[in-house]
């Protein structure tokens, strides 16, 4: 019998992306980068704009617009203000 570490289970992709998000992806409202942001926040929890910007390798303005759009669609939540602002998945 082999002894070893058991890898923690990763959430199934279907549990990371809700039916609503899937529909928004299918109808073109969201794109691949939007989906990546949602998955990142669900897997790793809260992130700053700068962390998400680095993850996406996107401009500051592009990331800001993306996060505002996702927040307006009630897919993520903005917490805090100014430099201490973080984002979490809903």
PDB file of N, CA and C in Angstrom:
ATOM      1  N   UNK A   1       0.854  -1.172   0.000  1.00  0.00           N
ATOM      2  CA  UNK A   1       0.000   0.000   0.000  1.00  0.00           C
ATOM      3  C   UNK A   1       0.898   1.232   0.000  1.00  0.00           C
ATOM      4  N   UNK A   2       0.666   2.119  -0.925  1.00  0.00           N
ATOM      5  CA  UNK A   2       1.477   3.327  -1.044  1.00  0.00           C
ATOM      6  C   UNK A   2       0.945   4.404  -0.110  1.00  0.00           C
ATOM      7  N   UNK A   3       1.881   5.039   0.568  1.00  0.00           N
ATOM      8  CA  UNK A   3       1.508   6.147   1.423  1.00  0.00           C
ATOM      9  C   UNK A   3       1.878   7.431   0.705  1.00  0.00           C
ATOM     10  N   UNK A   4       1.047   8.395   0.796  1.00  0.00           N
ATOM     11  CA  UNK A   4       1.341   9.655   0.128  1.00  0.00           C
ATOM     12  C   UNK A   4       0.295  10.691   0.454  1.00  0.00           C
ATOM     13  N   UNK A   5       0.504  11.814  -0.112  1.00  0.00           N
ATOM     14  CA  UNK A   5      -0.433  12.901   0.103  1.00  0.00           C
ATOM     15  C   UNK A   5      -1.559  12.825  -0.899  1.00  0.00           C
ATOM     16  N   UNK A   6      -2.710  13.166  -0.450  1.00  0.00           N
ATOM     17  CA  UNK A   6      -3.869  13.213  -1.330  1.00  0.00           C
ATOM     18  C   UNK A   6      -4.027  14.643  -1.802  1.00  0.00           C
ATOM     19  N   UNK A   7      -4.119  14.816  -3.104  1.00  0.00           N
ATOM     20  CA  UNK A   7      -4.318  16.154  -3.659  1.00  0.00           C
ATOM     21  C   UNK A   7      -5.696  16.668  -3.285  1.00  0.00           C
ATOM     22  N   UNK A   8      -5.787  17.899  -2.807  1.00  0.00           N
ATOM     23  CA  UNK A   8      -7.123  18.432  -2.517  1.00  0.00           C
ATOM     24  C   UNK A   8      -7.923  18.532  -3.802  1.00  0.00           C
ATOM     25  N   UNK A   9      -9.193  18.254  -3.684  1.00  0.00           N
ATOM     26  CA  UNK A   9     -10.058  18.306  -4.853  1.00  0.00           C
ATOM     27  C   UNK A   9     -10.272  19.749  -5.285  1.00  0.00           C
ATOM     28  N   UNK A  10     -10.151  19.986  -6.575  1.00  0.00           N
ATOM     29  CA  UNK A  10     -10.478  21.284  -7.148  1.00  0.00           C
ATOM     30  C   UNK A  10     -11.975  21.289  -7.437  1.00  0.00           C
ATOM     31  N   UNK A  11     -12.623  22.421  -7.258  1.00  0.00           N
ATOM     32  CA  UNK A  11     -14.042  22.465  -7.604  1.00  0.00           C
ATOM     33  C   UNK A  11     -14.232  22.163  -9.086  1.00  0.00           C
ATOM     34  N   UNK A  12     -15.265  21.437  -9.391  1.00  0.00           N
ATOM     35  CA  UNK A  12     -15.567  21.154 -10.792  1.00  0.00           C
ATOM     36  C   UNK A  12     -15.853  22.462 -11.509  1.00  0.00           C
ATOM     37  N   UNK A  13     -15.448  22.544 -12.770  1.00  0.00           N
ATOM     38  CA  UNK A  13     -15.635  23.783 -13.517  1.00  0.00           C
ATOM     39  C   UNK A  13     -17.102  24.200 -13.538  1.00  0.00           C
ATOM     40  N   UNK A  14     -17.998  23.225 -13.578  1.00  0.00           N
ATOM     41  CA  UNK A  14     -19.413  23.559 -13.617  1.00  0.00           C
ATOM     42  C   UNK A  14     -19.877  24.280 -12.356  1.00  0.00           C
ATOM     43  N   UNK A  15     -19.186  24.071 -11.224  1.00  0.00           N
ATOM     44  CA  UNK A  15     -19.574  24.766 -10.002  1.00  0.00           C
ATOM     45  C   UNK A  15     -18.961  26.161  -9.937  1.00  0.00           C
ATOM     46  N   UNK A  16     -17.935  26.416 -10.748  1.00  0.00           N
ATOM     47  CA  UNK A  16     -17.304  27.737 -10.758  1.00  0.00           C
ATOM     48  C   UNK A  16     -18.122  28.734 -11.570  1.00  0.00           C
ATOM     49  N   UNK A  17     -18.766  28.261 -12.600  1.00  0.00           N
ATOM     50  CA  UNK A  17     -19.494  29.139 -13.506  1.00  0.00           C
ATOM     51  C   UNK A  17     -20.983  28.809 -13.430  1.00  0.00           C
ATOM     52  N   UNK A  18     -21.764  29.782 -13.020  1.00  0.00           N
ATOM     53  CA  UNK A  18     -23.210  29.585 -12.883  1.00  0.00           C
ATOM     54  C   UNK A  18     -23.887  29.549 -14.246  1.00  0.00           C
ATOM     55  N   UNK A  19     -25.108  29.109 -14.245  1.00  0.00           N
ATOM     56  CA  UNK A  19     -25.890  29.074 -15.484  1.00  0.00           C
ATOM     57  C   UNK A  19     -26.049  30.484 -16.053  1.00  0.00           C
ATOM     58  N   UNK A  20     -26.199  31.466 -15.186  1.00  0.00           N
ATOM     59  CA  UNK A  20     -26.341  32.856 -15.649  1.00  0.00           C
ATOM     60  C   UNK A  20     -25.077  33.323 -16.357  1.00  0.00           C
ATOM     61  N   UNK A  21     -23.918  33.024 -15.782  1.00  0.00           N
ATOM     62  CA  UNK A  21     -22.653  33.408 -16.411  1.00  0.00           C
ATOM     63  C   UNK A  21     -22.500  32.675 -17.735  1.00  0.00           C
ATOM     64  N   UNK A  22     -22.824  31.389 -17.758  1.00  0.00           N
ATOM     65  CA  UNK A  22     -22.741  30.608 -18.995  1.00  0.00           C
ATOM     66  C   UNK A  22     -23.615  31.250 -20.078  1.00  0.00           C
ATOM     67  N   UNK A  23     -24.822  31.687 -19.718  1.00  0.00           N
ATOM     68  CA  UNK A  23     -25.720  32.328 -20.684  1.00  0.00           C
ATOM     69  C   UNK A  23     -25.123  33.648 -21.191  1.00  0.00           C
ATOM     70  N   UNK A  24     -24.549  34.435 -20.288  1.00  0.00           N
ATOM     71  CA  UNK A  24     -23.936  35.703 -20.686  1.00  0.00           C
ATOM     72  C   UNK A  24     -22.718  35.477 -21.588  1.00  0.00           C
ATOM     73  N   UNK A  25     -22.005  34.385 -21.362  1.00  0.00           N
ATOM     74  CA  UNK A  25     -20.894  34.029 -22.249  1.00  0.00           C
ATOM     75  C   UNK A  25     -21.423  33.619 -23.621  1.00  0.00           C
ATOM     76  N   UNK A  26     -22.476  32.810 -23.622  1.00  0.00           N
ATOM     77  CA  UNK A  26     -23.051  32.313 -24.877  1.00  0.00           C
ATOM     78  C   UNK A  26     -23.629  33.433 -25.731  1.00  0.00           C
ATOM     79  N   UNK A  27     -24.243  34.444 -25.087  1.00  0.00           N
ATOM     80  CA  UNK A  27     -24.861  35.515 -25.884  1.00  0.00           C
ATOM     81  C   UNK A  27     -23.885  36.656 -26.195  1.00  0.00           C
ATOM     82  N   UNK A  28     -22.633  36.522 -25.744  1.00  0.00           N
ATOM     83  CA  UNK A  28     -21.613  37.503 -26.100  1.00  0.00           C
ATOM     84  C   UNK A  28     -21.496  38.688 -25.158  1.00  0.00           C
ATOM     85  N   UNK A  29     -22.306  38.725 -24.098  1.00  0.00           N
ATOM     86  CA  UNK A  29     -22.210  39.811 -23.122  1.00  0.00           C
ATOM     87  C   UNK A  29     -20.871  39.763 -22.388  1.00  0.00           C
ATOM     88  N   UNK A  30     -20.412  38.543 -22.090  1.00  0.00           N
ATOM     89  CA  UNK A  30     -19.124  38.334 -21.433  1.00  0.00           C
ATOM     90  C   UNK A  30     -18.178  37.636 -22.395  1.00  0.00           C
ATOM     91  N   UNK A  31     -16.870  37.833 -22.146  1.00  0.00           N
ATOM     92  CA  UNK A  31     -15.888  37.140 -22.972  1.00  0.00           C
ATOM     93  C   UNK A  31     -14.995  36.266 -22.096  1.00  0.00           C
ATOM     94  N   UNK A  32     -13.976  35.671 -22.716  1.00  0.00           N
ATOM     95  CA  UNK A  32     -13.084  34.746 -22.031  1.00  0.00           C
ATOM     96  C   UNK A  32     -12.377  35.389 -20.840  1.00  0.00           C
ATOM     97  N   UNK A  33     -11.963  36.635 -20.973  1.00  0.00           N
ATOM     98  CA  UNK A  33     -11.278  37.310 -19.858  1.00  0.00           C
ATOM     99  C   UNK A  33     -12.229  37.540 -18.694  1.00  0.00           C
ATOM    100  N   UNK A  34     -13.484  37.860 -18.987  1.00  0.00           N
ATOM    101  CA  UNK A  34     -14.474  38.022 -17.922  1.00  0.00           C
ATOM    102  C   UNK A  34     -14.636  36.698 -17.163  1.00  0.00           C
ATOM    103  N   UNK A  35     -14.716  35.611 -17.907  1.00  0.00           N
ATOM    104  CA  UNK A  35     -14.852  34.288 -17.303  1.00  0.00           C
ATOM    105  C   UNK A  35     -13.635  33.965 -16.433  1.00  0.00           C
ATOM    106  N   UNK A  36     -12.448  34.307 -16.904  1.00  0.00           N
ATOM    107  CA  UNK A  36     -11.222  34.063 -16.145  1.00  0.00           C
ATOM    108  C   UNK A  36     -11.218  34.834 -14.825  1.00  0.00           C
ATOM    109  N   UNK A  37     -11.724  36.080 -14.850  1.00  0.00           N
ATOM    110  CA  UNK A  37     -11.794  36.882 -13.624  1.00  0.00           C
ATOM    111  C   UNK A  37     -12.732  36.228 -12.614  1.00  0.00           C
ATOM    112  N   UNK A  38     -13.886  35.799 -13.072  1.00  0.00           N
ATOM    113  CA  UNK A  38     -14.866  35.171 -12.181  1.00  0.00           C
ATOM    114  C   UNK A  38     -14.287  33.892 -11.577  1.00  0.00           C
ATOM    115  N   UNK A  39     -13.650  33.065 -12.398  1.00  0.00           N
ATOM    116  CA  UNK A  39     -13.042  31.831 -11.896  1.00  0.00           C
ATOM    117  C   UNK A  39     -11.933  32.137 -10.890  1.00  0.00           C
ATOM    118  N   UNK A  40     -11.093  33.120 -11.197  1.00  0.00           N
ATOM    119  CA  UNK A  40     -10.016  33.511 -10.294  1.00  0.00           C
ATOM    120  C   UNK A  40     -10.567  33.905  -8.927  1.00  0.00           C
ATOM    121  N   UNK A  41     -11.592  34.742  -8.923  1.00  0.00           N
ATOM    122  CA  UNK A  41     -12.160  35.214  -7.655  1.00  0.00           C
ATOM    123  C   UNK A  41     -12.842  34.083  -6.897  1.00  0.00           C
ATOM    124  N   UNK A  42     -13.466  33.157  -7.602  1.00  0.00           N
ATOM    125  CA  UNK A  42     -14.116  32.033  -6.914  1.00  0.00           C
ATOM    126  C   UNK A  42     -13.092  31.077  -6.330  1.00  0.00           C
ATOM    127  N   UNK A  43     -11.986  30.869  -7.043  1.00  0.00           N
ATOM    128  CA  UNK A  43     -10.964  29.938  -6.568  1.00  0.00           C
ATOM    129  C   UNK A  43     -10.070  30.531  -5.481  1.00  0.00           C
ATOM    130  N   UNK A  44      -9.701  31.800  -5.646  1.00  0.00           N
ATOM    131  CA  UNK A  44      -8.695  32.387  -4.764  1.00  0.00           C
ATOM    132  C   UNK A  44      -9.230  33.458  -3.828  1.00  0.00           C
ATOM    133  N   UNK A  45     -10.491  33.804  -3.946  1.00  0.00           N
ATOM    134  CA  UNK A  45     -11.064  34.796  -3.048  1.00  0.00           C
ATOM    135  C   UNK A  45     -10.811  36.212  -3.513  1.00  0.00           C
ATOM    136  N   UNK A  46     -10.673  37.116  -2.578  1.00  0.00           N
ATOM    137  CA  UNK A  46     -10.570  38.540  -2.897  1.00  0.00           C
ATOM    138  C   UNK A  46      -9.265  38.887  -3.600  1.00  0.00           C
ATOM    139  N   UNK A  47      -9.372  39.834  -4.520  1.00  0.00           N
ATOM    140  CA  UNK A  47      -8.204  40.314  -5.275  1.00  0.00           C
ATOM    141  C   UNK A  47      -8.350  41.807  -5.512  1.00  0.00           C
ATOM    142  N   UNK A  48      -7.222  42.480  -5.601  1.00  0.00           N
ATOM    143  CA  UNK A  48      -7.224  43.902  -5.940  1.00  0.00           C
ATOM    144  C   UNK A  48      -7.282  44.066  -7.459  1.00  0.00           C
ATOM    145  N   UNK A  49      -7.556  45.282  -7.899  1.00  0.00           N
ATOM    146  CA  UNK A  49      -7.543  45.565  -9.321  1.00  0.00           C
ATOM    147  C   UNK A  49      -6.172  45.270  -9.916  1.00  0.00           C
ATOM    148  N   UNK A  50      -5.117  45.648  -9.206  1.00  0.00           N
ATOM    149  CA  UNK A  50      -3.757  45.424  -9.702  1.00  0.00           C
ATOM    150  C   UNK A  50      -3.450  43.933  -9.849  1.00  0.00           C
ATOM    151  N   UNK A  51      -3.903  43.120  -8.907  1.00  0.00           N
ATOM    152  CA  UNK A  51      -3.680  41.674  -9.002  1.00  0.00           C
ATOM    153  C   UNK A  51      -4.417  41.080 -10.195  1.00  0.00           C
ATOM    154  N   UNK A  52      -5.641  41.537 -10.412  1.00  0.00           N
ATOM    155  CA  UNK A  52      -6.419  41.045 -11.556  1.00  0.00           C
ATOM    156  C   UNK A  52      -5.798  41.542 -12.859  1.00  0.00           C
ATOM    157  N   UNK A  53      -5.352  42.778 -12.855  1.00  0.00           N
ATOM    158  CA  UNK A  53      -4.690  43.352 -14.039  1.00  0.00           C
ATOM    159  C   UNK A  53      -3.458  42.526 -14.411  1.00  0.00           C
ATOM    160  N   UNK A  54      -2.655  42.179 -13.427  1.00  0.00           N
ATOM    161  CA  UNK A  54      -1.462  41.375 -13.676  1.00  0.00           C
ATOM    162  C   UNK A  54      -1.837  39.982 -14.187  1.00  0.00           C
ATOM    163  N   UNK A  55      -2.859  39.381 -13.590  1.00  0.00           N
ATOM    164  CA  UNK A  55      -3.327  38.058 -13.997  1.00  0.00           C
ATOM    165  C   UNK A  55      -3.767  38.058 -15.460  1.00  0.00           C
ATOM    166  N   UNK A  56      -4.487  39.106 -15.867  1.00  0.00           N
ATOM    167  CA  UNK A  56      -4.996  39.195 -17.238  1.00  0.00           C
ATOM    168  C   UNK A  56      -3.968  39.743 -18.228  1.00  0.00           C
ATOM    169  N   UNK A  57      -2.919  40.397 -17.691  1.00  0.00           N
ATOM    170  CA  UNK A  57      -1.936  41.079 -18.541  1.00  0.00           C
ATOM    171  C   UNK A  57      -2.649  42.089 -19.441  1.00  0.00           C
ATOM    172  N   UNK A  58      -3.358  42.963 -18.767  1.00  0.00           N
ATOM    173  CA  UNK A  58      -4.239  43.933 -19.415  1.00  0.00           C
ATOM    174  C   UNK A  58      -3.919  45.314 -18.859  1.00  0.00           C
ATOM    175  N   UNK A  59      -4.302  46.350 -19.575  1.00  0.00           N
ATOM    176  CA  UNK A  59      -4.059  47.716 -19.105  1.00  0.00           C
ATOM    177  C   UNK A  59      -4.900  48.016 -17.862  1.00  0.00           C
ATOM    178  N   UNK A  60      -4.459  49.031 -17.131  1.00  0.00           N
ATOM    179  CA  UNK A  60      -5.192  49.464 -15.937  1.00  0.00           C
ATOM    180  C   UNK A  60      -6.614  49.865 -16.306  1.00  0.00           C
ATOM    181  N   UNK A  61      -6.760  50.670 -17.358  1.00  0.00           N
ATOM    182  CA  UNK A  61      -8.086  51.143 -17.777  1.00  0.00           C
ATOM    183  C   UNK A  61      -8.961  49.989 -18.249  1.00  0.00           C
ATOM    184  N   UNK A  62      -8.379  49.073 -19.003  1.00  0.00           N
ATOM    185  CA  UNK A  62      -9.148  47.915 -19.477  1.00  0.00           C
ATOM    186  C   UNK A  62      -9.647  47.062 -18.328  1.00  0.00           C
ATOM    187  N   UNK A  63      -8.789  46.851 -17.338  1.00  0.00           N
ATOM    188  CA  UNK A  63      -9.179  46.068 -16.162  1.00  0.00           C
ATOM    189  C   UNK A  63     -10.245  46.797 -15.363  1.00  0.00           C
ATOM    190  N   UNK A  64     -10.078  48.110 -15.203  1.00  0.00           N
ATOM    191  CA  UNK A  64     -11.070  48.899 -14.460  1.00  0.00           C
ATOM    192  C   UNK A  64     -12.437  48.795 -15.118  1.00  0.00           C
ATOM    193  N   UNK A  65     -12.480  48.939 -16.449  1.00  0.00           N
ATOM    194  CA  UNK A  65     -13.751  48.842 -17.173  1.00  0.00           C
ATOM    195  C   UNK A  65     -14.354  47.446 -17.038  1.00  0.00           C
ATOM    196  N   UNK A  66     -13.515  46.428 -17.140  1.00  0.00           N
ATOM    197  CA  UNK A  66     -13.989  45.040 -17.020  1.00  0.00           C
ATOM    198  C   UNK A  66     -14.604  44.800 -15.638  1.00  0.00           C
ATOM    199  N   UNK A  67     -13.914  45.248 -14.589  1.00  0.00           N
ATOM    200  CA  UNK A  67     -14.414  45.042 -13.225  1.00  0.00           C
ATOM    201  C   UNK A  67     -15.700  45.825 -12.987  1.00  0.00           C
ATOM    202  N   UNK A  68     -15.786  47.036 -13.514  1.00  0.00           N
ATOM    203  CA  UNK A  68     -17.026  47.813 -13.389  1.00  0.00           C
ATOM    204  C   UNK A  68     -18.179  47.093 -14.080  1.00  0.00           C
ATOM    205  N   UNK A  69     -17.930  46.552 -15.264  1.00  0.00           N
ATOM    206  CA  UNK A  69     -18.968  45.828 -16.003  1.00  0.00           C
ATOM    207  C   UNK A  69     -19.433  44.597 -15.217  1.00  0.00           C
ATOM    208  N   UNK A  70     -18.493  43.822 -14.703  1.00  0.00           N
ATOM    209  CA  UNK A  70     -18.858  42.626 -13.935  1.00  0.00           C
ATOM    210  C   UNK A  70     -19.606  42.991 -12.653  1.00  0.00           C
ATOM    211  N   UNK A  71     -19.226  44.093 -12.015  1.00  0.00           N
ATOM    212  CA  UNK A  71     -19.934  44.552 -10.809  1.00  0.00           C
ATOM    213  C   UNK A  71     -21.346  45.023 -11.163  1.00  0.00           C
ATOM    214  N   UNK A  72     -21.485  45.739 -12.283  1.00  0.00           N
ATOM    215  CA  UNK A  72     -22.806  46.214 -12.710  1.00  0.00           C
ATOM    216  C   UNK A  72     -23.741  45.061 -13.064  1.00  0.00           C
ATOM    217  N   UNK A  73     -23.173  43.932 -13.496  1.00  0.00           N
ATOM    218  CA  UNK A  73     -23.968  42.736 -13.799  1.00  0.00           C
ATOM    219  C   UNK A  73     -24.215  41.884 -12.554  1.00  0.00           C
ATOM    220  N   UNK A  74     -23.757  42.366 -11.396  1.00  0.00           N
ATOM    221  CA  UNK A  74     -23.885  41.655 -10.110  1.00  0.00           C
ATOM    222  C   UNK A  74     -23.230  40.275 -10.138  1.00  0.00           C
ATOM    223  N   UNK A  75     -22.087  40.171 -10.832  1.00  0.00           N
ATOM    224  CA  UNK A  75     -21.332  38.922 -10.864  1.00  0.00           C
ATOM    225  C   UNK A  75     -20.166  38.959  -9.886  1.00  0.00           C
ATOM    226  N   UNK A  76     -19.687  40.167  -9.584  1.00  0.00           N
ATOM    227  CA  UNK A  76     -18.657  40.362  -8.578  1.00  0.00           C
ATOM    228  C   UNK A  76     -19.074  41.542  -7.714  1.00  0.00           C
ATOM    229  N   UNK A  77     -18.419  41.671  -6.569  1.00  0.00           N
ATOM    230  CA  UNK A  77     -18.728  42.784  -5.670  1.00  0.00           C
ATOM    231  C   UNK A  77     -17.456  43.564  -5.358  1.00  0.00           C
ATOM    232  N   UNK A  78     -17.578  44.869  -5.398  1.00  0.00           N
ATOM    233  CA  UNK A  78     -16.489  45.771  -5.032  1.00  0.00           C
ATOM    234  C   UNK A  78     -16.606  46.055  -3.540  1.00  0.00           C
ATOM    235  N   UNK A  79     -15.500  45.917  -2.819  1.00  0.00           N
ATOM    236  CA  UNK A  79     -15.498  46.197  -1.389  1.00  0.00           C
ATOM    237  C   UNK A  79     -14.381  47.180  -1.090  1.00  0.00           C
ATOM    238  N   UNK A  80     -14.678  48.182  -0.297  1.00  0.00           N
ATOM    239  CA  UNK A  80     -13.690  49.183   0.062  1.00  0.00           C
ATOM    240  C   UNK A  80     -13.684  50.335  -0.922  1.00  0.00           C
ATOM    241  N   UNK A  81     -12.743  51.242  -0.712  1.00  0.00           N
ATOM    242  CA  UNK A  81     -12.637  52.429  -1.558  1.00  0.00           C
ATOM    243  C   UNK A  81     -11.166  52.742  -1.824  1.00  0.00           C
ATOM    244  N   UNK A  82     -10.946  53.422  -2.923  1.00  0.00           N
ATOM    245  CA  UNK A  82      -9.606  53.873  -3.244  1.00  0.00           C
ATOM    246  C   UNK A  82      -8.617  52.740  -3.366  1.00  0.00           C
ATOM    247  N   UNK A  83      -7.427  52.953  -2.807  1.00  0.00           N
ATOM    248  CA  UNK A  83      -6.353  51.978  -2.930  1.00  0.00           C
ATOM    249  C   UNK A  83      -6.656  50.662  -2.211  1.00  0.00           C
ATOM    250  N   UNK A  84      -7.574  50.676  -1.272  1.00  0.00           N
ATOM    251  CA  UNK A  84      -7.887  49.457  -0.530  1.00  0.00           C
ATOM    252  C   UNK A  84      -9.054  48.681  -1.142  1.00  0.00           C
ATOM    253  N   UNK A  85      -9.495  49.044  -2.333  1.00  0.00           N
ATOM    254  CA  UNK A  85     -10.610  48.354  -2.979  1.00  0.00           C
ATOM    255  C   UNK A  85     -10.200  46.938  -3.364  1.00  0.00           C
ATOM    256  N   UNK A  86     -11.068  45.984  -3.038  1.00  0.00           N
ATOM    257  CA  UNK A  86     -10.882  44.594  -3.467  1.00  0.00           C
ATOM    258  C   UNK A  86     -12.164  44.136  -4.151  1.00  0.00           C
ATOM    259  N   UNK A  87     -12.060  43.027  -4.862  1.00  0.00           N
ATOM    260  CA  UNK A  87     -13.194  42.448  -5.588  1.00  0.00           C
ATOM    261  C   UNK A  87     -13.359  41.015  -5.155  1.00  0.00           C
ATOM    262  N   UNK A  88     -14.615  40.583  -5.009  1.00  0.00           N
ATOM    263  CA  UNK A  88     -14.941  39.206  -4.651  1.00  0.00           C
ATOM    264  C   UNK A  88     -16.051  38.716  -5.567  1.00  0.00           C
ATOM    265  N   UNK A  89     -16.069  37.421  -5.810  1.00  0.00           N
ATOM    266  CA  UNK A  89     -17.127  36.819  -6.626  1.00  0.00           C
ATOM    267  C   UNK A  89     -18.406  36.687  -5.804  1.00  0.00           C
ATOM    268  N   UNK A  90     -19.515  36.811  -6.471  1.00  0.00           N
ATOM    269  CA  UNK A  90     -20.810  36.599  -5.793  1.00  0.00           C
ATOM    270  C   UNK A  90     -21.337  35.225  -6.097  1.00  0.00           C
TER     271      UNK A  90
END
